[in-house]
Amino acid sequence: MLCTFYYNKMKSLFFIISIILISITSCVVGENPVLKIEGGKIQGIPTKTSGVYIYKGIPYAAPPVGNLRWKSPQPVIPWKGVKVADTYGPAAMQSPRQPGSFYHKEFTTEDGHKNSEDCLYLNIYTTAPGKTKAGLPVAMNIYGGAFASGYAYEKQFLGGEEWAKHGVILVTINYRLNIFGFLAHPDLSSENPKGVSGNYGILDQIAALKWIKNNIQQFGGDPNNITILGQSAGAMSVQSLVSSPLSKDLMQKAIMQSGGGVSEKPLLGGTQLKDAEKAGKAIIDLGGYKNLEAMRTAPADSILALASLARKKRIGGMMGPVIDGYVLSSNFSDATRNNQIADIPYIIGYNKDDMGMMTTGLGQFCKLRDENGGKAYAYEFIRELPGDTAKAFHSAELWYVFKTLGNSWRPFTEGDKALSDYMVDTWTNFVKFGDPNGKEKEIWKPYTKDNQQFMIFKLGASGEAKPEMGLPTNPQ
């Protein structure tokens, strides 16, 4: 009798525990549901920030390998079962940053990333997976690196949790680089139905943007409220996307950090197709490849080595977007002058100790937008970073824009953290509302011919964050 009593009691206890475990599991699954997207089913993983989920390594196109090397991105290859998105996809093929070099120390020291031609993946941070009516604004970030290096998950970009806490879905993408992303060649143009070659990296970005528009609702995003942003070559990519007839209607806002403005001598993105084809053929000839089959069956490392050899021999110059009459009909400066860019709000800016042409022509861009009835907000980042003598160098603002100061070796202060908070607020406000002030009092005013001031991001004399409107360091 006693045994029966204990058996029934333990059975009841087991039943209660089972119900509790089922309830907990159901709750977790409900918060992190399996989503159906292009290619199949997928599930993210929780981040360290409560309520924020990340999806790493989502394929947005087929691997551009073998016969797809130097071709437009193709549809995703479907997979079976549920893909758990817990691993970043490989970075695009690129030469390693030299150990001990400035940017290696700053951003990519021993982070363990791998390079591969199979690189067309993106990552998503969201607080609303499966909530298709959440309508969260979306931002797509494009990394820089002179169109030769870089990847979506460099440690300065790992601020998606912070952006998600501000009510924004952040998407970071990989795209093809250097000789794999921007090789123009007469034989490649001949096989292409459009008669063009060379803009594969930009076509990747367009494919990612279209993927976001078609799938982001599954992650709680609004496909009609997309902002594109980028720094350096990422900003130049944004300039290409807002200029291209293939993509300029796909975004609602754009942010361009240290990519220059309207110029008589565009740094990159001004090469005519015939000139790019001639340079590309000279590079391929260094390897002795006689036809497309030989070019596409050659090992990826051998092709990448050609790009390095060409640089040493000063053949071909820097590779970047090509004016091919299909992806791009003109450079960004001419497109702006002719009012042929996307008619959307813009943020454009640079750093005080930036590189050459990254610091000029921004005011001219803003004035042209003003003349055409558009809005553009200009900024200058002048905070000299602590820890060395590099000052407000090219890319310095990225630690602040994504609030990833904790990933850096630098001895950042409380003032730096407050400045980062302010910059995250303004960037995410712009993503949400097309206005960096959000719903608050207008402090950051658009740059116009009557108001030629920039927002100056800086610290005050006592080390406190002190962003304020003022005249930029470089004449505009």
Protein backbone atom coordinates (compact mmCIF):
# COMPACT_ATOMS: atom_id res chain seq x y z
CA MET A 1 0.00 0.00 0.00
CA LEU A 2 2.83 2.34 0.95
CA CYS A 3 4.68 1.45 -2.27
CA THR A 4 1.55 2.23 -4.30
CA PHE A 5 1.25 5.61 -2.55
CA TYR A 6 4.85 6.55 -3.34
CA TYR A 7 4.52 5.26 -6.90
CA ASN A 8 1.43 7.42 -7.51
CA LYS A 9 3.09 10.43 -5.87
CA MET A 10 6.23 10.07 -8.01
CA LYS A 11 4.08 9.57 -11.10
CA SER A 12 2.22 12.80 -10.35
CA LEU A 13 5.48 14.65 -9.72
CA PHE A 14 6.91 13.34 -12.99
CA PHE A 15 3.76 14.45 -14.80
CA ILE A 16 4.05 17.98 -13.32
CA ILE A 17 7.74 18.25 -14.24
CA SER A 18 6.95 17.05 -17.78
CA ILE A 19 4.25 19.71 -18.15
CA ILE A 20 6.68 22.39 -16.94
CA LEU A 21 9.40 21.25 -19.36
CA ILE A 22 6.94 21.14 -22.26
CA SER A 23 5.75 24.65 -21.37
CA ILE A 24 9.32 25.98 -21.21
CA THR A 25 10.19 24.32 -24.52
CA SER A 26 7.06 25.66 -26.18
CA CYS A 27 7.89 29.14 -24.91
CA VAL A 28 11.42 28.97 -26.29
CA VAL A 29 10.24 27.61 -29.66
CA GLY A 30 7.57 30.30 -29.77
CA GLU A 31 10.20 33.01 -29.27
CA ASN A 32 12.63 31.43 -31.74
CA PRO A 33 10.44 29.82 -34.40
CA VAL A 34 11.52 27.95 -37.50
CA LEU A 35 11.17 30.31 -40.46
CA LYS A 36 10.55 29.47 -44.10
CA ILE A 37 12.66 31.53 -46.50
CA GLU A 38 14.13 31.21 -49.99
CA GLY A 39 15.96 27.89 -49.98
CA GLY A 40 14.26 26.20 -47.05
CA LYS A 41 13.66 26.32 -43.32
CA ILE A 42 15.93 28.15 -40.89
CA GLN A 43 16.26 28.85 -37.19
CA GLY A 44 18.43 31.44 -35.46
CA ILE A 45 20.17 31.40 -32.10
CA PRO A 46 19.74 33.69 -29.10
CA THR A 47 22.42 36.31 -28.48
CA LYS A 48 23.75 37.44 -25.11
CA THR A 49 21.16 40.23 -25.20
CA SER A 50 17.77 39.03 -23.98
CA GLY A 51 15.18 38.98 -26.73
CA VAL A 52 17.66 39.45 -29.60
CA TYR A 53 18.31 36.63 -32.06
CA ILE A 54 21.00 36.29 -34.68
CA TYR A 55 20.93 34.32 -37.91
CA LYS A 56 24.48 33.69 -39.11
CA GLY A 57 25.47 32.56 -42.57
CA ILE A 58 22.17 32.64 -44.47
CA PRO A 59 22.86 31.97 -48.16
CA TYR A 60 21.30 34.65 -50.37
CA ALA A 61 22.57 33.23 -53.69
CA ALA A 62 24.19 30.08 -55.03
CA PRO A 63 27.94 29.67 -54.42
CA PRO A 64 29.70 31.54 -57.28
CA VAL A 65 32.13 28.72 -57.98
CA GLY A 66 33.09 26.62 -61.00
CA ASN A 67 31.02 27.70 -63.99
CA LEU A 68 29.44 30.46 -61.86
CA ARG A 69 32.79 32.21 -61.31
CA TRP A 70 32.43 35.69 -62.87
CA LYS A 71 28.70 35.33 -63.44
CA SER A 72 25.76 37.19 -61.97
CA PRO A 73 24.56 35.73 -58.66
CA GLN A 74 22.16 32.83 -59.15
CA PRO A 75 19.20 31.68 -56.98
CA VAL A 76 19.86 29.98 -53.65
CA ILE A 77 20.31 26.20 -53.77
CA PRO A 78 17.55 24.64 -51.60
CA TRP A 79 18.48 22.59 -48.53
CA LYS A 80 16.65 19.86 -46.65
CA GLY A 81 15.53 20.01 -43.06
CA VAL A 82 16.03 22.97 -40.73
CA LYS A 83 19.24 24.94 -41.10
CA VAL A 84 20.40 26.22 -37.72
CA ALA A 85 22.05 29.53 -38.53
CA ASP A 86 24.78 29.48 -35.90
CA THR A 87 27.92 29.89 -38.04
CA TYR A 88 29.11 32.80 -40.19
CA GLY A 89 29.69 32.02 -43.85
CA PRO A 90 33.23 32.32 -45.21
CA ALA A 91 34.61 35.71 -46.21
CA ALA A 92 35.22 36.40 -49.90
CA MET A 93 38.59 35.45 -51.37
CA GLN A 94 41.16 38.10 -50.39
CA SER A 95 44.77 38.56 -49.48
CA PRO A 96 45.41 38.49 -45.72
CA ARG A 97 46.09 41.73 -43.91
CA GLN A 98 49.72 41.80 -42.92
CA PRO A 99 50.28 40.92 -39.24
CA GLY A 100 51.39 44.03 -37.41
CA SER A 101 49.86 46.41 -39.95
CA PHE A 102 47.60 49.16 -38.65
CA TYR A 103 44.26 47.74 -39.77
CA HIS A 104 45.21 44.18 -38.89
CA LYS A 105 45.83 45.31 -35.33
CA GLU A 106 42.76 47.54 -35.32
CA PHE A 107 40.11 45.21 -36.71
CA THR A 108 41.14 41.66 -37.70
CA THR A 109 43.85 40.37 -35.36
CA GLU A 110 43.53 36.57 -35.14
CA ASP A 111 39.75 36.45 -35.51
CA GLY A 112 39.89 33.06 -37.21
CA HIS A 113 37.85 33.94 -40.30
CA LYS A 114 38.15 31.79 -43.43
CA ASN A 115 38.15 32.90 -47.06
CA SER A 116 36.35 31.11 -49.89
CA GLU A 117 34.78 31.72 -53.28
CA ASP A 118 31.64 30.33 -51.64
CA CYS A 119 30.98 33.60 -49.81
CA LEU A 120 27.48 34.87 -50.62
CA TYR A 121 26.01 34.86 -47.12
CA LEU A 122 24.32 37.40 -44.89
CA ASN A 123 23.60 37.72 -41.16
CA ILE A 124 20.50 39.09 -39.43
CA TYR A 125 19.91 40.50 -35.93
CA THR A 126 16.25 40.75 -34.91
CA THR A 127 13.93 40.90 -31.92
CA ALA A 128 10.90 39.65 -33.86
CA PRO A 129 11.57 36.35 -35.67
CA GLY A 130 8.39 34.95 -37.15
CA LYS A 131 6.37 38.08 -36.33
CA THR A 132 5.50 38.93 -39.90
CA LYS A 133 3.40 41.96 -38.95
CA ALA A 134 6.00 43.56 -36.65
CA GLY A 135 7.07 45.99 -39.39
CA LEU A 136 10.53 46.75 -38.01
CA PRO A 137 12.79 49.02 -40.08
CA VAL A 138 15.75 47.30 -41.72
CA ALA A 139 19.37 48.34 -42.30
CA MET A 140 21.79 46.58 -44.67
CA ASN A 141 25.45 47.27 -43.89
CA ILE A 142 28.16 46.97 -46.57
CA TYR A 143 31.78 46.71 -45.39
CA GLY A 144 34.69 48.63 -46.85
CA GLY A 145 38.20 47.53 -47.82
CA ALA A 146 38.91 49.16 -51.21
CA PHE A 147 36.78 46.45 -52.90
CA ALA A 148 39.74 44.14 -52.20
CA SER A 149 39.21 42.94 -48.61
CA GLY A 150 36.76 42.88 -45.72
CA TYR A 151 33.86 40.80 -44.46
CA ALA A 152 30.55 41.23 -42.66
CA TYR A 153 31.60 40.06 -39.20
CA GLU A 154 34.79 42.00 -38.57
CA LYS A 155 34.67 42.83 -34.88
CA GLN A 156 33.83 46.50 -35.37
CA PHE A 157 30.57 45.50 -37.12
CA LEU A 158 29.29 43.15 -34.39
CA GLY A 159 26.85 45.72 -33.01
CA GLY A 160 23.63 44.20 -34.26
CA GLU A 161 22.39 43.50 -30.75
CA GLU A 162 22.61 47.20 -29.92
CA TRP A 163 20.80 48.19 -33.11
CA ALA A 164 18.14 45.57 -32.43
CA LYS A 165 17.59 47.06 -28.95
CA HIS A 166 16.91 50.35 -30.75
CA GLY A 167 14.15 48.71 -32.79
CA VAL A 168 16.11 48.10 -36.01
CA ILE A 169 16.85 44.84 -37.82
CA LEU A 170 20.52 44.89 -38.88
CA VAL A 171 21.60 42.80 -41.86
CA THR A 172 25.31 42.44 -42.69
CA ILE A 173 26.38 40.95 -46.02
CA ASN A 174 29.38 39.43 -47.76
CA TYR A 175 30.03 40.08 -51.46
CA ARG A 176 32.71 39.16 -54.00
CA LEU A 177 35.91 41.21 -53.96
CA ASN A 178 38.99 42.09 -56.03
CA ILE A 179 39.56 39.94 -59.14
CA PHE A 180 36.59 37.69 -58.30
CA GLY A 181 34.16 40.56 -57.84
CA PHE A 182 35.30 43.16 -60.35
CA LEU A 183 37.21 41.53 -63.23
CA ALA A 184 36.12 42.87 -66.60
CA HIS A 185 37.35 40.90 -69.61
CA PRO A 186 36.40 40.85 -73.30
CA ASP A 187 35.56 37.12 -73.21
CA LEU A 188 33.38 37.54 -70.13
CA SER A 189 31.51 40.38 -71.84
CA SER A 190 31.07 38.31 -75.01
CA GLU A 191 29.37 35.44 -73.17
CA ASN A 192 27.11 37.77 -71.16
CA PRO A 193 23.63 38.41 -72.65
CA LYS A 194 24.03 42.10 -71.75
CA GLY A 195 27.51 42.29 -73.27
CA VAL A 196 29.09 43.44 -70.00
CA SER A 197 31.41 42.21 -67.24
CA GLY A 198 33.10 43.45 -64.10
CA ASN A 199 30.38 44.41 -61.62
CA TYR A 200 29.84 41.04 -59.93
CA GLY A 201 30.41 42.44 -56.43
CA ILE A 202 27.77 45.12 -56.98
CA LEU A 203 25.38 42.54 -58.46
CA ASP A 204 25.91 40.50 -55.28
CA GLN A 205 24.88 43.52 -53.20
CA ILE A 206 21.79 44.00 -55.38
CA ALA A 207 20.94 40.31 -54.97
CA ALA A 208 21.27 40.66 -51.19
CA LEU A 209 19.03 43.74 -51.24
CA LYS A 210 16.40 41.86 -53.27
CA TRP A 211 16.68 38.89 -50.91
CA ILE A 212 16.02 41.19 -47.96
CA LYS A 213 13.00 42.69 -49.69
CA ASN A 214 11.59 39.21 -50.42
CA ASN A 215 12.36 37.53 -47.07
CA ILE A 216 12.80 40.05 -44.27
CA GLN A 217 9.14 39.99 -43.26
CA GLN A 218 9.77 36.49 -41.86
CA PHE A 219 12.20 38.11 -39.43
CA GLY A 220 9.77 40.86 -38.41
CA GLY A 221 11.05 43.41 -40.91
CA ASP A 222 9.31 45.91 -43.16
CA PRO A 223 10.36 45.25 -46.79
CA ASN A 224 9.33 48.81 -47.64
CA ASN A 225 11.54 50.48 -45.03
CA ILE A 226 15.11 49.51 -45.93
CA THR A 227 18.21 51.66 -45.35
CA ILE A 228 21.55 50.83 -46.94
CA LEU A 229 24.75 52.00 -45.27
CA GLY A 230 28.45 51.51 -45.75
CA GLN A 231 31.88 52.92 -45.01
CA SER A 232 34.77 53.56 -47.44
CA ALA A 233 34.27 51.10 -50.34
CA GLY A 234 31.02 50.26 -48.56
CA ALA A 235 29.96 53.90 -48.98
CA MET A 236 31.04 53.78 -52.63
CA SER A 237 28.91 50.65 -52.95
CA VAL A 238 25.97 52.60 -51.54
CA GLN A 239 26.69 55.28 -54.15
CA SER A 240 26.54 52.60 -56.85
CA LEU A 241 23.30 51.14 -55.49
CA VAL A 242 21.50 54.50 -55.33
CA SER A 243 22.71 55.25 -58.89
CA SER A 244 22.00 51.89 -60.55
CA PRO A 245 18.73 51.48 -62.48
CA LEU A 246 18.71 47.90 -61.14
CA SER A 247 18.51 48.91 -57.48
CA LYS A 248 17.80 52.59 -56.84
CA ASP A 249 14.10 51.87 -56.18
CA LEU A 250 14.83 49.13 -53.61
CA MET A 251 15.84 51.31 -50.64
CA GLN A 252 14.21 54.15 -48.70
CA LYS A 253 17.29 55.76 -47.08
CA ALA A 254 21.07 55.69 -47.44
CA ILE A 255 24.11 56.42 -45.25
CA MET A 256 27.56 57.00 -46.79
CA GLN A 257 30.53 57.10 -44.41
CA SER A 258 33.94 58.20 -45.74
CA GLY A 259 33.22 57.48 -49.39
CA GLY A 260 33.61 61.02 -50.71
CA GLY A 261 30.97 63.17 -52.35
CA VAL A 262 30.49 64.84 -55.72
CA SER A 263 33.88 65.12 -57.41
CA GLU A 264 35.43 65.90 -60.77
CA LYS A 265 37.74 62.92 -60.25
CA PRO A 266 35.87 59.99 -58.71
CA LEU A 267 38.23 57.78 -56.70
CA LEU A 268 36.61 54.51 -57.81
CA GLY A 269 33.56 53.72 -59.89
CA GLY A 270 34.46 55.82 -62.90
CA THR A 271 36.12 53.19 -65.13
CA GLN A 272 34.57 52.72 -68.55
CA LEU A 273 33.89 49.13 -69.61
CA LYS A 274 36.39 49.05 -72.50
CA ASP A 275 39.18 50.35 -70.27
CA ALA A 276 38.29 47.85 -67.55
CA GLU A 277 38.22 45.00 -70.09
CA LYS A 278 41.67 45.96 -71.36
CA ALA A 279 43.08 46.04 -67.84
CA GLY A 280 41.39 42.75 -66.94
CA LYS A 281 42.78 40.98 -70.00
CA ALA A 282 46.29 42.17 -69.12
CA ILE A 283 45.88 40.71 -65.63
CA ILE A 284 44.55 37.34 -66.86
CA ASP A 285 47.34 37.15 -69.46
CA LEU A 286 49.85 37.17 -66.59
CA GLY A 287 48.55 33.69 -65.73
CA GLY A 288 48.62 32.42 -69.30
CA TYR A 289 44.92 31.52 -69.31
CA LYS A 290 43.76 31.31 -72.92
CA ASN A 291 40.01 30.88 -72.54
CA LEU A 292 37.13 31.03 -70.08
CA GLU A 293 37.31 27.32 -69.29
CA ALA A 294 40.92 27.70 -68.18
CA MET A 295 40.03 30.83 -66.20
CA ARG A 296 37.18 29.06 -64.40
CA THR A 297 38.97 25.78 -63.65
CA ALA A 298 42.07 27.45 -62.23
CA PRO A 299 42.38 27.18 -58.42
CA ALA A 300 41.00 30.19 -56.58
CA ASP A 301 44.36 30.83 -54.91
CA SER A 302 46.03 31.01 -58.32
CA ILE A 303 43.51 33.57 -59.54
CA LEU A 304 43.91 35.62 -56.37
CA ALA A 305 47.69 35.54 -56.81
CA LEU A 306 47.24 37.17 -60.23
CA ALA A 307 45.68 40.20 -58.56
CA SER A 308 48.69 40.52 -56.24
CA LEU A 309 51.12 40.08 -59.13
CA ALA A 310 49.29 42.71 -61.17
CA ARG A 311 49.59 45.21 -58.31
CA LYS A 312 53.33 44.59 -58.06
CA LYS A 313 53.71 45.08 -61.82
CA ARG A 314 51.37 48.11 -61.73
CA ILE A 315 49.00 46.49 -64.21
CA GLY A 316 45.29 47.30 -64.10
CA GLY A 317 45.18 49.58 -61.08
CA MET A 318 42.53 49.24 -58.36
CA MET A 319 39.47 47.19 -59.21
CA GLY A 320 36.04 48.59 -58.51
CA PRO A 321 32.64 49.33 -60.06
CA VAL A 322 32.58 49.70 -63.83
CA ILE A 323 30.43 51.99 -65.96
CA ASP A 324 29.02 49.28 -68.18
CA GLY A 325 25.71 50.77 -69.33
CA TYR A 326 23.79 48.06 -67.51
CA VAL A 327 24.57 48.06 -63.78
CA LEU A 328 25.89 51.62 -63.96
CA SER A 329 25.21 54.20 -66.65
CA SER A 330 27.44 56.86 -65.08
CA ASN A 331 29.51 57.52 -61.99
CA PHE A 332 27.87 58.71 -58.77
CA SER A 333 28.96 62.32 -59.19
CA ASP A 334 27.42 62.64 -62.64
CA ALA A 335 24.30 60.76 -61.57
CA THR A 336 23.87 63.21 -58.69
CA ARG A 337 24.39 66.23 -60.93
CA ASN A 338 21.78 64.89 -63.34
CA ASN A 339 19.34 64.07 -60.52
CA GLN A 340 19.42 60.38 -61.45
CA ILE A 341 20.05 58.90 -57.99
CA ALA A 342 17.42 57.55 -55.62
CA ASP A 343 15.21 60.36 -54.34
CA ILE A 344 15.57 59.46 -50.65
CA PRO A 345 17.06 61.02 -47.47
CA TYR A 346 20.84 60.69 -47.04
CA ILE A 347 23.48 60.92 -44.34
CA ILE A 348 26.97 61.60 -45.66
CA GLY A 349 30.15 62.24 -43.72
CA TYR A 350 33.84 61.67 -43.09
CA ASN A 351 36.52 61.65 -40.37
CA LYS A 352 38.85 64.56 -39.67
CA ASP A 353 42.02 62.58 -40.43
CA ASP A 354 40.45 60.60 -43.25
CA MET A 355 41.97 59.71 -46.62
CA GLY A 356 42.25 62.37 -49.35
CA MET A 357 39.14 62.54 -51.48
CA MET A 358 37.00 60.94 -48.76
CA THR A 359 36.81 64.41 -47.20
CA THR A 360 35.73 66.52 -50.18
CA GLY A 361 32.60 67.06 -52.23
CA LEU A 362 30.19 66.21 -49.42
CA GLY A 363 28.81 69.73 -49.20
CA GLN A 364 28.41 69.80 -52.98
CA PHE A 365 26.40 66.58 -52.81
CA CYS A 366 24.14 68.02 -50.10
CA LYS A 367 23.57 71.26 -52.00
CA LEU A 368 22.58 69.36 -55.13
CA ARG A 369 20.14 67.28 -53.08
CA ASP A 370 18.72 70.51 -51.62
CA GLU A 371 18.30 72.01 -55.10
CA ASN A 372 16.40 68.91 -56.18
CA GLY A 373 14.08 69.00 -53.18
CA GLY A 374 15.83 66.24 -51.21
CA LYS A 375 17.38 66.07 -47.74
CA ALA A 376 20.97 65.28 -46.84
CA TYR A 377 22.54 65.39 -43.38
CA ALA A 378 26.32 65.92 -43.22
CA TYR A 379 28.72 65.02 -40.40
CA GLU A 380 32.38 65.15 -39.45
CA PHE A 381 33.84 62.78 -36.85
CA ILE A 382 36.73 64.54 -35.11
CA ARG A 383 37.25 62.49 -31.94
CA GLU A 384 40.93 61.48 -31.89
CA LEU A 385 40.93 57.90 -30.67
CA PRO A 386 42.90 57.12 -27.52
CA GLY A 387 45.82 54.67 -27.42
CA ASP A 388 48.09 55.90 -30.22
CA THR A 389 48.70 58.86 -32.55
CA ALA A 390 46.35 57.78 -35.39
CA LYS A 391 43.82 60.50 -34.44
CA ALA A 392 40.38 60.44 -36.15
CA PHE A 393 41.60 58.02 -38.80
CA HIS A 394 39.76 56.42 -41.73
CA SER A 395 37.27 53.90 -40.23
CA ALA A 396 37.60 55.21 -36.64
CA GLU A 397 33.88 56.03 -36.39
CA LEU A 398 32.85 52.38 -36.90
CA TRP A 399 33.54 51.52 -33.25
CA TYR A 400 31.01 54.22 -32.32
CA VAL A 401 28.34 53.66 -34.98
CA PHE A 402 27.93 50.03 -33.93
CA LYS A 403 28.81 50.53 -30.24
CA THR A 404 31.53 47.90 -30.38
CA LEU A 405 34.09 49.81 -28.33
CA GLY A 406 34.34 46.79 -26.04
CA ASN A 407 35.80 44.75 -28.93
CA SER A 408 38.72 47.15 -29.31
CA TRP A 409 42.12 47.22 -27.58
CA ARG A 410 41.85 50.99 -27.17
CA PRO A 411 41.35 52.59 -23.71
CA PHE A 412 38.00 54.20 -24.48
CA THR A 413 36.51 56.52 -21.86
CA GLU A 414 33.03 57.13 -20.49
CA GLY A 415 32.86 60.08 -22.86
CA ASP A 416 33.53 57.75 -25.79
CA LYS A 417 30.73 55.45 -24.64
CA ALA A 418 28.33 58.39 -24.40
CA LEU A 419 29.38 59.60 -27.86
CA SER A 420 28.76 56.10 -29.21
CA ASP A 421 25.31 56.06 -27.60
CA TYR A 422 24.50 59.34 -29.33
CA MET A 423 25.71 58.10 -32.72
CA VAL A 424 23.77 54.83 -32.45
CA ASP A 425 20.68 56.88 -31.56
CA THR A 426 21.08 59.14 -34.58
CA TRP A 427 21.87 56.35 -37.05
CA THR A 428 18.95 54.19 -35.91
CA ASN A 429 16.62 57.20 -35.78
CA PHE A 430 17.51 57.84 -39.40
CA VAL A 431 16.80 54.21 -40.29
CA LYS A 432 13.42 54.43 -38.58
CA PHE A 433 12.28 57.90 -39.61
CA GLY A 434 14.59 59.26 -42.32
CA ASP A 435 15.63 61.90 -39.76
CA PRO A 436 18.57 61.46 -37.33
CA ASN A 437 16.69 63.48 -34.72
CA GLY A 438 13.85 60.97 -34.63
CA LYS A 439 10.74 62.44 -33.00
CA GLU A 440 12.79 64.76 -30.77
CA LYS A 441 13.79 68.41 -31.24
CA GLU A 442 15.71 69.05 -34.46
CA ILE A 443 19.37 69.40 -33.45
CA TRP A 444 21.04 67.88 -36.50
CA LYS A 445 19.78 70.05 -39.35
CA PRO A 446 20.04 69.12 -43.03
CA TYR A 447 22.90 70.70 -44.97
CA THR A 448 21.56 73.26 -47.46
CA LYS A 449 22.95 76.22 -49.37
CA ASP A 450 21.65 78.41 -46.52
CA ASN A 451 22.82 76.12 -43.71
CA GLN A 452 26.26 74.75 -44.55
CA GLN A 453 26.97 73.22 -41.16
CA PHE A 454 27.86 69.65 -40.32
CA MET A 455 27.09 67.66 -37.19
CA ILE A 456 30.48 67.49 -35.46
CA PHE A 457 30.97 64.33 -33.40
CA LYS A 458 33.49 65.11 -30.66
CA LEU A 459 34.32 65.18 -26.97
CA GLY A 460 34.34 68.37 -24.92
CA ALA A 461 37.24 69.86 -22.98
CA SER A 462 36.35 67.78 -19.92
CA GLY A 463 36.13 64.54 -21.91
CA GLU A 464 32.35 64.51 -22.14
CA ALA A 465 30.45 63.68 -25.33
CA LYS A 466 29.72 66.97 -27.08
CA PRO A 467 28.18 66.53 -30.54
CA GLU A 468 27.10 69.85 -32.02
CA MET A 469 26.50 71.64 -35.30
CA GLY A 470 29.46 73.54 -36.73
CA LEU A 471 31.70 74.17 -39.71
CA PRO A 472 33.74 71.19 -40.96
CA THR A 473 37.53 71.02 -40.87
CA ASN A 474 37.83 70.64 -44.65
CA PRO A 475 36.33 73.32 -46.91
CA GLN A 476 33.26 72.03 -48.75
